[in-house]
Amino acid sequence: MSNVKTAMVIGGGIGGLVTALKLNRVGVSVRVFESVETIKELGVGINLLPHAVRVLTELGLGDELKKTGIPTAELIYVNKFGKQIWQEDRGIHAGYRWPQYSIHRGKLQMMLLKAVKEQLGESAIVTGHHLASFHDFADRVTAEFVNKKTGERLRSYSADIMIAADGIHSVVRKFYYPDEGQPKFSGRILWRGITESAPFLTGKSMIMAGHQDQKFVAYPICPDTASKGRSLINWIAELTVGGELPSRADWNLAVDKEKFLPQFEKWDFGWLNVPQIIENAADIFEFPMVDRDPLPQWTFGRVTLLGDAAHPMYPIGSNGASQAILDADALGESIGKYENPEVALKSYEQIRLEPTAKIVYANRKNGPEEVMQIVEERAPNGFENLSDVITQQELENIANKYKQVAGFDKETLNNK
């Protein structure tokens, strides 16, 4: 029987909320502390890979996911002229026991928030509480909070353990690694938006076009829109710009499409009109593509890191949210298995630290999207026959290698 009876989770994002649900399943009383006063439905689309969907399904969210997300049917890579490089089935269509979902990040967060309130009670979510400091004692962790808007000091809380799921600018990570500095900038900027349009390809397709210095990603995220014969398309336009990391104030900044649209004006593939999709978006947000170097240690006594606080990675391979969900699952399993809180947290770290570090490094080399870069380098003016540029074996090796690195190799996952 675990000696972990209570836990504080810092951060009410996807990783923090799934952690609360999982810990509740293994008998831990959890409070989630979130900086903002009101958790709102923010963001754009993300993907949940089958291994993450398995965890959410085991937490009783399978039916809600089905109502909220689009089960991705296939993933297609094309060059900048719209010619196919690679296509593979995804999720159930590929023979996995669980789907892959394309879903609105904000809707997923609201679904998780509702589940936490229903399963753990309304008082499990404490908003308007920004972590100011904490102390790890021999038998408990005590945390002090402030109201970020007013600076007002709030009451302190104690628990057996504390999990920092407070994102890429984690207060807790900074405490243990004070000299780390800003996230590492890739030299690439992402512009993200959502556009309603006619469906493209199967209406459940995810496409990636271009190469490392200029890329366009698109996939539908709304089953309600799909039921009316239309598509709500989440899209990402990406360009290499170089230079220094933009200032923190520019994160999630609404921008004018003219900042990047001219570079995509000729990208009308017939089956997908990229400039039109960009043109018709209501709001466009700018994100620098950043990560951090993998850490040697996440767990310090009764405190540990999780999700982007532990291993922020480039949004390549549809993996960020999925890996936070896998963290939460591993953490819950370790707490259920070990009596000693510090041993349980160390066990979780041993399970997750190395695999996530491998993904960070793989994503820096473009992960499975490496095939797009190879084709661009070998055939910058396009191709007639793909086999003259890259072999089928090369394509399959790259795709399969990444699935193993990211933990969603079909045979391994289906046998869990």
Protein backbone atom coordinates (compact mmCIF):
# COMPACT_ATOMS: atom_id res chain seq x y z
CA MET A 1 0.00 0.00 0.00
CA SER A 2 1.42 3.37 -1.03
CA ASN A 3 2.20 5.94 1.63
CA VAL A 4 1.25 8.66 -0.87
CA LYS A 5 -2.16 9.81 0.34
CA THR A 6 -2.10 13.41 -0.95
CA ALA A 7 -0.56 15.18 -3.95
CA MET A 8 -0.27 18.72 -5.24
CA VAL A 9 -0.18 19.10 -9.03
CA ILE A 10 1.18 22.44 -10.22
CA GLY A 11 -0.46 23.35 -13.53
CA GLY A 12 -3.94 22.67 -14.92
CA GLY A 13 -2.94 21.86 -18.50
CA ILE A 14 -3.37 18.51 -20.22
CA GLY A 15 -0.53 16.80 -18.32
CA GLY A 16 -1.62 18.13 -14.93
CA LEU A 17 -5.27 17.18 -15.37
CA VAL A 18 -4.52 13.64 -16.61
CA THR A 19 -2.13 13.24 -13.66
CA ALA A 20 -4.95 14.17 -11.28
CA LEU A 21 -7.29 11.61 -12.88
CA LYS A 22 -4.65 8.87 -12.81
CA LEU A 23 -3.56 9.51 -9.21
CA ASN A 24 -7.19 9.51 -8.12
CA ARG A 25 -7.48 6.00 -9.63
CA VAL A 26 -4.69 4.74 -7.38
CA GLY A 27 -6.24 6.24 -4.25
CA VAL A 28 -4.41 9.56 -3.94
CA SER A 29 -6.25 12.74 -2.94
CA VAL A 30 -5.16 15.42 -5.44
CA ARG A 31 -5.35 19.19 -5.68
CA VAL A 32 -4.46 20.92 -8.96
CA PHE A 33 -3.15 24.50 -8.70
CA GLU A 34 -3.45 26.73 -11.75
CA SER A 35 -2.06 30.27 -12.16
CA VAL A 36 -4.95 31.69 -14.18
CA GLU A 37 -8.25 32.68 -12.55
CA THR A 38 -10.37 30.89 -15.16
CA ILE A 39 -9.29 27.93 -17.28
CA LYS A 40 -10.53 28.74 -20.78
CA GLU A 41 -10.86 26.81 -24.02
CA LEU A 42 -7.69 28.09 -25.69
CA GLY A 43 -5.33 26.90 -28.41
CA VAL A 44 -5.62 25.15 -31.72
CA GLY A 45 -5.45 21.53 -32.84
CA ILE A 46 -3.24 18.75 -31.51
CA ASN A 47 -2.94 15.02 -32.11
CA LEU A 48 -3.31 12.22 -29.61
CA LEU A 49 -1.43 9.07 -30.61
CA PRO A 50 -2.82 5.58 -29.86
CA HIS A 51 -0.66 5.05 -26.74
CA ALA A 52 -2.07 8.25 -25.19
CA VAL A 53 -5.61 7.37 -26.28
CA ARG A 54 -5.18 4.01 -24.51
CA VAL A 55 -4.44 5.85 -21.23
CA LEU A 56 -7.40 8.22 -21.63
CA THR A 57 -9.69 5.32 -22.53
CA GLU A 58 -8.63 3.47 -19.37
CA LEU A 59 -9.52 6.65 -17.45
CA GLY A 60 -13.08 6.40 -18.83
CA LEU A 61 -12.81 9.10 -21.52
CA GLY A 62 -13.10 6.95 -24.65
CA ASP A 63 -16.67 7.99 -25.51
CA GLU A 64 -15.96 11.69 -24.90
CA LEU A 65 -12.90 11.53 -27.16
CA LYS A 66 -15.00 9.97 -29.91
CA LYS A 67 -17.48 12.86 -29.68
CA THR A 68 -14.80 15.56 -29.56
CA GLY A 69 -12.04 14.48 -31.97
CA ILE A 70 -11.61 13.22 -35.53
CA PRO A 71 -10.12 9.71 -35.73
CA THR A 72 -7.18 10.27 -38.07
CA ALA A 73 -7.35 7.83 -40.98
CA GLU A 74 -4.01 8.44 -42.67
CA LEU A 75 -0.87 10.56 -42.56
CA ILE A 76 0.54 11.82 -45.86
CA TYR A 77 3.83 13.58 -46.55
CA VAL A 78 4.12 15.54 -49.79
CA ASN A 79 6.79 17.78 -51.28
CA LYS A 80 6.35 21.53 -51.85
CA PHE A 81 4.63 20.78 -55.17
CA GLY A 82 2.03 18.55 -53.49
CA LYS A 83 3.43 15.25 -54.80
CA GLN A 84 3.20 12.33 -52.42
CA ILE A 85 6.33 11.07 -50.65
CA TRP A 86 4.81 8.79 -48.01
CA GLN A 87 1.38 7.64 -46.91
CA GLU A 88 0.49 5.43 -43.99
CA ASP A 89 -2.73 4.48 -42.24
CA ARG A 90 -3.11 5.69 -38.67
CA GLY A 91 -4.85 4.53 -35.50
CA ILE A 92 -7.61 1.95 -35.90
CA HIS A 93 -7.14 2.11 -39.68
CA ALA A 94 -3.55 0.89 -39.21
CA GLY A 95 -4.57 -1.98 -36.96
CA TYR A 96 -3.98 -0.36 -33.57
CA ARG A 97 -6.39 -1.23 -30.77
CA TRP A 98 -6.92 2.50 -30.17
CA PRO A 99 -7.57 5.41 -32.54
CA GLN A 100 -5.35 8.41 -33.19
CA TYR A 101 -7.35 11.60 -32.67
CA SER A 102 -6.99 15.06 -34.14
CA ILE A 103 -8.63 17.30 -31.56
CA HIS A 104 -8.91 20.92 -30.45
CA ARG A 105 -6.49 21.42 -27.56
CA GLY A 106 -8.93 23.64 -25.64
CA LYS A 107 -11.80 21.17 -26.01
CA LEU A 108 -9.58 18.36 -24.75
CA GLN A 109 -8.54 20.46 -21.75
CA MET A 110 -12.19 21.28 -20.96
CA MET A 111 -13.09 17.59 -21.23
CA LEU A 112 -10.32 16.70 -18.77
CA LEU A 113 -11.27 19.57 -16.43
CA LYS A 114 -14.89 18.37 -16.35
CA ALA A 115 -13.74 14.80 -15.61
CA VAL A 116 -11.50 15.98 -12.74
CA LYS A 117 -14.35 17.98 -11.18
CA GLU A 118 -16.76 15.07 -11.54
CA GLN A 119 -14.39 12.38 -10.23
CA LEU A 120 -12.42 14.34 -7.62
CA GLY A 121 -14.87 17.15 -6.74
CA GLU A 122 -14.92 20.87 -7.55
CA SER A 123 -12.44 21.66 -4.77
CA ALA A 124 -9.74 19.60 -6.54
CA ILE A 125 -9.13 22.54 -8.91
CA VAL A 126 -7.66 25.66 -7.28
CA THR A 127 -7.36 28.54 -9.77
CA GLY A 128 -5.67 31.92 -9.36
CA HIS A 129 -2.82 30.25 -7.47
CA HIS A 130 0.68 30.78 -8.90
CA LEU A 131 3.46 28.82 -7.22
CA ALA A 132 5.85 31.25 -5.49
CA SER A 133 8.04 28.87 -3.50
CA PHE A 134 8.07 25.40 -1.94
CA HIS A 135 9.89 23.37 0.70
CA ASP A 136 10.56 19.64 0.57
CA PHE A 137 10.58 18.31 4.13
CA ALA A 138 11.31 14.77 5.25
CA ASP A 139 7.64 13.83 5.43
CA ARG A 140 5.80 16.35 3.20
CA VAL A 141 6.06 19.17 0.65
CA THR A 142 4.74 22.64 1.50
CA ALA A 143 4.00 25.17 -1.22
CA GLU A 144 3.34 28.92 -1.05
CA PHE A 145 1.19 30.62 -3.67
CA VAL A 146 0.52 34.15 -4.89
CA ASN A 147 -2.12 35.77 -7.05
CA LYS A 148 -0.13 36.51 -10.21
CA LYS A 149 -2.27 39.53 -11.13
CA THR A 150 -2.20 41.32 -7.79
CA GLY A 151 0.89 39.85 -6.14
CA GLU A 152 -1.23 39.03 -3.09
CA ARG A 153 0.16 36.25 -0.93
CA LEU A 154 -2.26 33.32 -0.61
CA ARG A 155 -2.37 30.50 1.90
CA SER A 156 0.14 27.67 1.77
CA TYR A 157 -0.71 23.99 1.18
CA SER A 158 1.01 20.72 2.07
CA ALA A 159 0.92 17.24 0.56
CA ASP A 160 2.92 14.02 0.52
CA ILE A 161 4.28 14.77 -2.97
CA MET A 162 4.30 17.61 -5.50
CA ILE A 163 4.19 17.17 -9.29
CA ALA A 164 5.30 20.10 -11.42
CA ALA A 165 3.25 20.12 -14.62
CA ASP A 166 3.75 23.86 -15.05
CA GLY A 167 5.01 23.95 -18.62
CA ILE A 168 8.09 25.05 -20.50
CA HIS A 169 8.64 28.01 -18.13
CA SER A 170 8.26 25.80 -15.04
CA VAL A 171 8.90 27.51 -11.69
CA VAL A 172 9.92 24.17 -10.18
CA ARG A 173 12.35 23.27 -12.97
CA LYS A 174 13.93 26.72 -12.61
CA PHE A 175 14.39 26.12 -8.88
CA TYR A 176 16.42 22.96 -9.52
CA TYR A 177 18.15 24.27 -12.66
CA PRO A 178 18.51 28.02 -12.02
CA ASP A 179 21.16 28.61 -14.71
CA GLU A 180 19.31 26.95 -17.58
CA GLY A 181 18.04 30.19 -19.12
CA GLN A 182 15.57 30.60 -21.97
CA PRO A 183 14.25 27.72 -24.12
CA LYS A 184 16.38 26.80 -27.14
CA PHE A 185 15.12 28.42 -30.34
CA SER A 186 15.17 26.29 -33.49
CA GLY A 187 15.30 29.32 -35.79
CA ARG A 188 11.81 28.38 -37.00
CA ILE A 189 8.49 30.15 -36.45
CA LEU A 190 5.07 28.45 -36.52
CA TRP A 191 1.92 30.31 -37.52
CA ARG A 192 -1.21 28.45 -36.47
CA GLY A 193 -4.85 28.89 -37.32
CA ILE A 194 -8.21 27.16 -37.83
CA THR A 195 -10.20 27.49 -41.07
CA GLU A 196 -13.55 26.04 -42.07
CA SER A 197 -13.52 24.72 -45.63
CA ALA A 198 -14.54 21.84 -47.86
CA PRO A 199 -12.96 18.54 -46.72
CA PHE A 200 -9.72 17.50 -48.40
CA LEU A 201 -8.77 13.93 -49.36
CA THR A 202 -10.69 11.50 -47.07
CA GLY A 203 -11.90 14.19 -44.65
CA LYS A 204 -9.86 12.39 -41.95
CA SER A 205 -6.45 12.93 -43.51
CA MET A 206 -3.44 14.59 -41.90
CA ILE A 207 -0.99 16.10 -44.38
CA MET A 208 2.46 17.60 -44.12
CA ALA A 209 3.87 19.45 -47.11
CA GLY A 210 7.28 20.91 -47.88
CA HIS A 211 10.53 20.49 -45.95
CA GLN A 212 12.34 21.66 -42.84
CA ASP A 213 12.68 25.33 -43.88
CA GLN A 214 9.13 25.70 -45.20
CA LYS A 215 6.31 23.43 -44.17
CA PHE A 216 2.53 23.31 -44.06
CA VAL A 217 0.54 20.92 -41.87
CA ALA A 218 -3.25 20.46 -42.02
CA TYR A 219 -5.82 18.16 -40.47
CA PRO A 220 -9.54 18.35 -39.51
CA ILE A 221 -10.41 18.54 -35.80
CA CYS A 222 -14.20 18.81 -35.45
CA PRO A 223 -16.69 15.92 -35.82
CA ASP A 224 -19.68 18.33 -35.67
CA THR A 225 -18.41 20.27 -38.70
CA ALA A 226 -17.63 16.97 -40.47
CA SER A 227 -21.23 15.78 -39.89
CA LYS A 228 -22.39 18.78 -41.96
CA GLY A 229 -20.11 17.85 -44.87
CA ARG A 230 -17.51 20.50 -44.05
CA SER A 231 -14.09 20.47 -42.34
CA LEU A 232 -12.73 22.59 -39.52
CA ILE A 233 -9.08 22.46 -40.53
CA ASN A 234 -6.30 23.04 -38.05
CA TRP A 235 -3.20 24.23 -39.89
CA ILE A 236 0.39 25.20 -39.23
CA ALA A 237 2.61 27.21 -41.56
CA GLU A 238 6.28 27.05 -40.67
CA LEU A 239 9.33 28.97 -41.91
CA THR A 240 12.98 29.09 -40.93
CA VAL A 241 13.76 32.68 -39.98
CA GLY A 242 16.97 32.28 -37.96
CA GLY A 243 18.11 34.86 -35.43
CA GLU A 244 17.48 35.07 -31.71
CA LEU A 245 14.53 33.72 -29.73
CA PRO A 246 11.65 36.23 -29.97
CA SER A 247 10.84 37.90 -26.66
CA ARG A 248 8.53 36.13 -24.21
CA ALA A 249 5.86 38.78 -24.86
CA ASP A 250 5.52 37.55 -28.45
CA TRP A 251 4.43 34.03 -27.54
CA ASN A 252 0.96 33.08 -28.72
CA LEU A 253 0.78 36.44 -30.47
CA ALA A 254 -2.05 37.17 -32.92
CA VAL A 255 -0.43 38.30 -36.18
CA ASP A 256 -1.23 39.50 -39.69
CA LYS A 257 -1.18 36.71 -42.27
CA GLU A 258 0.82 38.92 -44.64
CA LYS A 259 3.83 38.20 -42.44
CA PHE A 260 4.16 34.74 -44.05
CA LEU A 261 1.40 34.23 -46.66
CA PRO A 262 3.50 35.45 -49.64
CA GLN A 263 5.88 32.48 -49.22
CA PHE A 264 2.96 30.05 -49.61
CA GLU A 265 1.09 31.78 -52.46
CA LYS A 266 2.01 29.13 -55.05
CA TRP A 267 1.13 26.18 -52.84
CA ASP A 268 -2.16 25.22 -54.50
CA PHE A 269 -1.97 21.48 -54.94
CA GLY A 270 -5.41 21.05 -56.52
CA TRP A 271 -6.57 18.80 -53.68
CA LEU A 272 -5.51 21.43 -51.11
CA ASN A 273 -5.32 25.19 -51.64
CA VAL A 274 -2.86 26.36 -48.98
CA PRO A 275 -3.04 30.14 -49.60
CA GLN A 276 -6.84 30.02 -49.51
CA ILE A 277 -6.85 28.16 -46.19
CA ILE A 278 -4.47 30.74 -44.69
CA GLU A 279 -6.49 33.61 -46.19
CA ASN A 280 -9.78 32.38 -44.68
CA ALA A 281 -8.57 31.92 -41.09
CA ALA A 282 -10.21 34.19 -38.51
CA ASP A 283 -7.21 34.42 -36.16
CA ILE A 284 -3.59 33.47 -36.67
CA PHE A 285 -1.14 32.96 -33.83
CA GLU A 286 2.63 32.99 -33.87
CA PHE A 287 4.80 30.57 -31.90
CA PRO A 288 8.58 30.27 -31.93
CA MET A 289 9.55 26.58 -32.24
CA VAL A 290 11.51 25.83 -29.08
CA ASP A 291 12.55 23.05 -26.76
CA ARG A 292 15.01 22.51 -23.92
CA ASP A 293 17.91 20.12 -23.48
CA PRO A 294 17.01 16.86 -21.71
CA LEU A 295 17.73 16.88 -17.98
CA PRO A 296 19.80 14.37 -15.98
CA GLN A 297 17.17 14.27 -13.21
CA TRP A 298 13.48 15.15 -12.72
CA THR A 299 12.85 13.82 -9.21
CA PHE A 300 14.18 15.48 -6.08
CA GLY A 301 12.89 13.81 -2.92
CA ARG A 302 9.12 14.27 -2.89
CA VAL A 303 9.03 16.60 -5.92
CA THR A 304 9.09 15.65 -9.61
CA LEU A 305 8.62 17.20 -13.06
CA LEU A 306 6.10 16.11 -15.71
CA GLY A 307 5.16 17.01 -19.30
CA ASP A 308 6.65 20.20 -20.76
CA ALA A 309 8.21 21.03 -17.39
CA ALA A 310 10.27 17.85 -17.75
CA HIS A 311 10.82 17.47 -21.51
CA PRO A 312 9.57 20.24 -23.81
CA MET A 313 10.03 19.11 -27.42
CA TYR A 314 9.51 20.40 -30.95
CA PRO A 315 5.95 19.79 -32.20
CA ILE A 316 7.14 17.10 -34.61
CA GLY A 317 5.70 13.62 -34.81
CA SER A 318 2.43 14.62 -33.07
CA ASN A 319 3.93 13.85 -29.71
CA GLY A 320 3.93 16.66 -27.10
CA ALA A 321 0.57 16.14 -25.37
CA SER A 322 0.78 12.37 -25.83
CA GLN A 323 4.08 12.18 -23.93
CA ALA A 324 2.66 14.20 -21.01
CA ILE A 325 -0.23 11.73 -20.84
CA LEU A 326 2.23 8.81 -20.81
CA ASP A 327 4.11 10.54 -17.98
CA ALA A 328 0.91 10.74 -15.94
CA ASP A 329 0.22 7.06 -16.53
CA ALA A 330 3.74 5.98 -15.53
CA LEU A 331 3.61 8.18 -12.43
CA GLY A 332 0.32 6.69 -11.30
CA GLU A 333 1.55 3.13 -11.90
CA SER A 334 4.73 3.79 -9.89
CA ILE A 335 2.81 5.29 -6.97
CA GLY A 336 0.48 2.30 -6.99
CA LYS A 337 3.45 -0.06 -6.94
CA TYR A 338 5.81 1.42 -4.33
CA GLU A 339 5.07 2.22 -0.71
CA ASN A 340 7.78 4.87 -0.31
CA PRO A 341 6.90 8.19 -2.02
CA GLU A 342 10.50 9.01 -2.96
CA VAL A 343 11.06 5.53 -4.41
CA ALA A 344 7.82 5.81 -6.41
CA LEU A 345 8.81 9.18 -7.89
CA LYS A 346 12.29 7.88 -8.71
CA SER A 347 10.76 4.83 -10.41
CA TYR A 348 8.58 7.11 -12.56
CA GLU A 349 11.68 9.09 -13.54
CA GLN A 350 13.56 5.91 -14.49
CA ILE A 351 10.68 4.80 -16.72
CA ARG A 352 10.23 8.10 -18.54
CA LEU A 353 13.47 10.13 -18.50
CA GLU A 354 15.43 8.26 -21.17
CA PRO A 355 12.56 7.63 -23.65
CA THR A 356 11.52 11.30 -23.64
CA ALA A 357 15.14 12.46 -24.07
CA LYS A 358 15.38 10.27 -27.18
CA ILE A 359 12.26 11.91 -28.62
CA VAL A 360 13.63 15.43 -27.97
CA TYR A 361 16.79 14.53 -29.90
CA ALA A 362 14.87 12.72 -32.68
CA ASN A 363 12.57 15.73 -33.13
CA ARG A 364 15.60 18.02 -33.51
CA LYS A 365 16.50 15.86 -36.52
CA ASN A 366 12.90 16.24 -37.86
CA GLY A 367 11.69 12.87 -36.53
CA PRO A 368 9.59 11.03 -39.14
CA GLU A 369 9.47 14.23 -41.23
CA GLU A 370 13.09 13.55 -42.15
CA VAL A 371 11.76 11.96 -45.37
CA MET A 372 10.48 15.38 -46.54
CA GLN A 373 13.91 16.93 -46.00
CA ILE A 374 15.71 14.08 -47.81
CA VAL A 375 13.44 14.49 -50.84
CA GLU A 376 13.89 18.27 -50.85
CA GLU A 377 17.68 17.92 -50.77
CA ARG A 378 17.77 15.23 -53.46
CA ALA A 379 15.05 16.67 -55.72
CA PRO A 380 14.57 20.40 -55.01
CA ASN A 381 12.86 20.89 -58.39
CA GLY A 382 10.41 18.02 -57.89
CA PHE A 383 10.35 14.48 -59.25
CA GLU A 384 8.54 12.29 -61.75
CA ASN A 385 9.26 8.97 -60.05
CA LEU A 386 9.67 8.94 -56.29
CA SER A 387 11.75 5.74 -56.49
CA ASP A 388 14.45 7.72 -58.33
CA VAL A 389 14.78 9.92 -55.23
CA ILE A 390 14.24 7.65 -52.21
CA THR A 391 13.63 3.92 -51.81
CA GLN A 392 10.56 2.39 -50.23
CA GLN A 393 12.84 0.67 -47.71
CA GLU A 394 14.35 4.00 -46.65
CA LEU A 395 10.87 5.48 -46.17
CA GLU A 396 9.68 2.51 -44.11
CA ASN A 397 12.81 2.45 -41.96
CA ILE A 398 12.42 6.13 -40.99
CA ALA A 399 8.70 5.74 -40.17
CA ASN A 400 9.20 2.55 -38.14
CA LYS A 401 12.23 3.85 -36.26
CA TYR A 402 10.32 6.89 -35.02
CA LYS A 403 7.36 4.79 -33.86
CA GLN A 404 9.75 2.76 -31.73
CA VAL A 405 11.48 5.87 -30.34
CA ALA A 406 8.14 7.51 -29.51
CA GLY A 407 6.68 4.35 -27.97
CA PHE A 408 3.85 3.60 -30.38
CA ASP A 409 5.24 0.64 -32.30
CA LYS A 410 2.04 -1.25 -33.15
CA GLU A 411 3.02 -4.76 -32.05
CA THR A 412 4.42 -3.57 -28.71
CA LEU A 413 1.47 -1.30 -27.94
CA ASN A 414 -1.25 -3.75 -28.99
CA ASN A 415 0.21 -6.40 -26.67
CA LYS A 416 0.08 -4.13 -23.60
